[in-house]
Amino acid sequence: METLTLLGRAPPSGMPDFRSHNQQRWRSRKVARALMGAYRLGESASCHLPTKLLRNSVVVGLGLLFYAPLRANLAQATPRSLPAGLRSALRERFRDDVGCLTELLGRDLSAWLKADG
């Protein structure tokens, strides 16, 4: 949406709302690995049960059993910024491309090339 606003374009009707992803992270990867391993083991074992109703019931039960511990092992992720050296290298790498895009769009994109701070 921000890109369309920058370009002076209205979003098309029915355009999906793009949400950010990976807003959460594991508090402990070891705990997550153990929980997910146990869940998958129970899920794969349920495949060998005789009836579909029984298999589905076990999968639902596993989901309910593991939901709370998995949620408790999640923490809010803080976005990490790029290291200054990498940011500078990327800025230099795409300087010509930003120049071409500036000409193509007829817009001032010089802010994309400014150093932070």
Protein backbone atom coordinates (compact mmCIF):
# COMPACT_ATOMS: atom_id res chain seq x y z
CA MET A 1 0.00 0.00 0.00
CA GLU A 2 2.81 2.41 0.87
CA THR A 3 4.43 1.75 -2.50
CA LEU A 4 1.20 2.52 -4.31
CA THR A 5 0.80 5.71 -2.31
CA LEU A 6 4.39 6.71 -3.15
CA LEU A 7 3.68 6.14 -6.83
CA GLY A 8 0.48 8.17 -6.66
CA ARG A 9 -1.68 5.16 -7.47
CA ALA A 10 -4.88 4.07 -5.83
CA PRO A 11 -4.96 0.44 -4.69
CA PRO A 12 -7.17 -1.72 -6.91
CA SER A 13 -10.47 -2.80 -5.42
CA GLY A 14 -10.35 -6.20 -3.81
CA MET A 15 -6.61 -5.96 -3.21
CA PRO A 16 -5.51 -8.22 -0.34
CA ASP A 17 -4.28 -6.72 2.89
CA PHE A 18 -0.61 -7.62 3.14
CA ARG A 19 0.23 -8.36 6.75
CA SER A 20 3.69 -8.62 8.17
CA HIS A 21 4.87 -12.09 9.06
CA ASN A 22 7.18 -13.53 11.69
CA GLN A 23 5.98 -11.16 14.39
CA GLN A 24 6.73 -13.80 17.00
CA ARG A 25 9.75 -15.92 17.81
CA TRP A 26 10.45 -18.95 19.96
CA ARG A 27 11.61 -18.21 23.50
CA SER A 28 13.48 -21.52 23.42
CA ARG A 29 14.18 -23.40 20.20
CA LYS A 30 14.96 -26.55 22.17
CA VAL A 31 11.54 -26.50 23.84
CA ALA A 32 9.86 -25.80 20.50
CA ARG A 33 11.75 -28.64 18.83
CA ALA A 34 10.82 -31.05 21.61
CA LEU A 35 7.15 -30.04 21.56
CA MET A 36 6.87 -30.16 17.78
CA GLY A 37 8.70 -33.50 17.65
CA ALA A 38 6.33 -35.01 20.20
CA TYR A 39 3.33 -33.58 18.33
CA ARG A 40 4.51 -35.00 15.00
CA LEU A 41 5.22 -38.37 16.60
CA GLY A 42 1.68 -38.51 18.01
CA GLU A 43 0.24 -37.35 14.70
CA SER A 44 2.12 -39.98 12.70
CA ALA A 45 1.13 -42.68 15.23
CA SER A 46 -2.52 -41.67 14.83
CA CYS A 47 -2.33 -42.61 11.13
CA HIS A 48 -2.24 -46.27 12.15
CA LEU A 49 -5.50 -46.16 14.10
CA PRO A 50 -8.34 -48.24 12.65
CA THR A 51 -11.08 -45.65 12.04
CA LYS A 52 -11.09 -42.17 10.56
CA LEU A 53 -13.11 -40.84 13.51
CA LEU A 54 -10.53 -42.14 15.95
CA ARG A 55 -7.64 -40.73 13.88
CA ASN A 56 -9.28 -37.31 13.67
CA SER A 57 -10.11 -37.32 17.37
CA VAL A 58 -6.49 -38.04 18.28
CA VAL A 59 -5.21 -35.25 16.01
CA VAL A 60 -7.67 -32.76 17.53
CA GLY A 61 -6.73 -33.91 21.03
CA LEU A 62 -3.04 -33.49 20.24
CA GLY A 63 -3.72 -30.00 18.95
CA LEU A 64 -5.53 -29.05 22.15
CA LEU A 65 -2.83 -30.65 24.29
CA PHE A 66 0.08 -28.89 22.59
CA TYR A 67 -1.53 -25.49 21.88
CA ALA A 68 -0.95 -23.90 25.29
CA PRO A 69 2.70 -24.96 25.71
CA LEU A 70 3.54 -23.82 22.19
CA ARG A 71 1.85 -20.45 22.73
CA ALA A 72 3.65 -20.04 26.05
CA ASN A 73 6.96 -20.59 24.25
CA LEU A 74 6.33 -17.66 21.86
CA ALA A 75 7.63 -14.14 22.43
CA GLN A 76 7.12 -10.92 20.51
CA ALA A 77 9.88 -10.57 17.93
CA THR A 78 11.74 -7.30 17.67
CA PRO A 79 12.64 -6.29 14.13
CA ARG A 80 16.38 -6.24 13.53
CA SER A 81 17.97 -3.49 11.49
CA LEU A 82 20.60 -4.12 8.85
CA PRO A 83 24.22 -3.57 9.88
CA ALA A 84 25.52 -0.18 8.69
CA GLY A 85 28.12 -1.77 6.39
CA LEU A 86 25.57 -3.98 4.66
CA ARG A 87 23.10 -1.11 4.36
CA SER A 88 25.82 1.05 2.76
CA ALA A 89 26.85 -1.75 0.38
CA LEU A 90 23.24 -2.29 -0.72
CA ARG A 91 22.76 1.44 -1.21
CA GLU A 92 25.80 1.54 -3.51
CA ARG A 93 24.80 -1.67 -5.31
CA PHE A 94 21.35 -0.33 -6.21
CA ARG A 95 22.31 3.32 -6.80
CA ASP A 96 22.08 2.96 -10.63
CA ASP A 97 18.79 1.05 -10.38
CA VAL A 98 17.27 3.75 -8.18
CA GLY A 99 18.45 6.34 -10.72
CA CYS A 100 16.76 4.45 -13.55
CA LEU A 101 13.57 4.08 -11.53
CA THR A 102 13.65 7.81 -10.74
CA GLU A 103 13.74 8.61 -14.45
CA LEU A 104 11.11 6.01 -15.30
CA LEU A 105 8.64 7.23 -12.67
CA GLY A 106 9.50 10.91 -12.85
CA ARG A 107 9.74 11.02 -9.06
CA ASP A 108 12.45 12.07 -6.65
CA LEU A 109 13.72 8.88 -4.96
CA SER A 110 16.94 10.42 -3.62
CA ALA A 111 15.82 9.66 -0.05
CA TRP A 112 16.42 5.98 -0.84
CA LEU A 113 20.10 6.74 -1.38
CA LYS A 114 20.74 8.92 1.67
CA ALA A 115 22.82 7.57 4.52
CA ASP A 116 20.98 7.02 7.81
CA GLY A 117 21.40 9.52 10.58
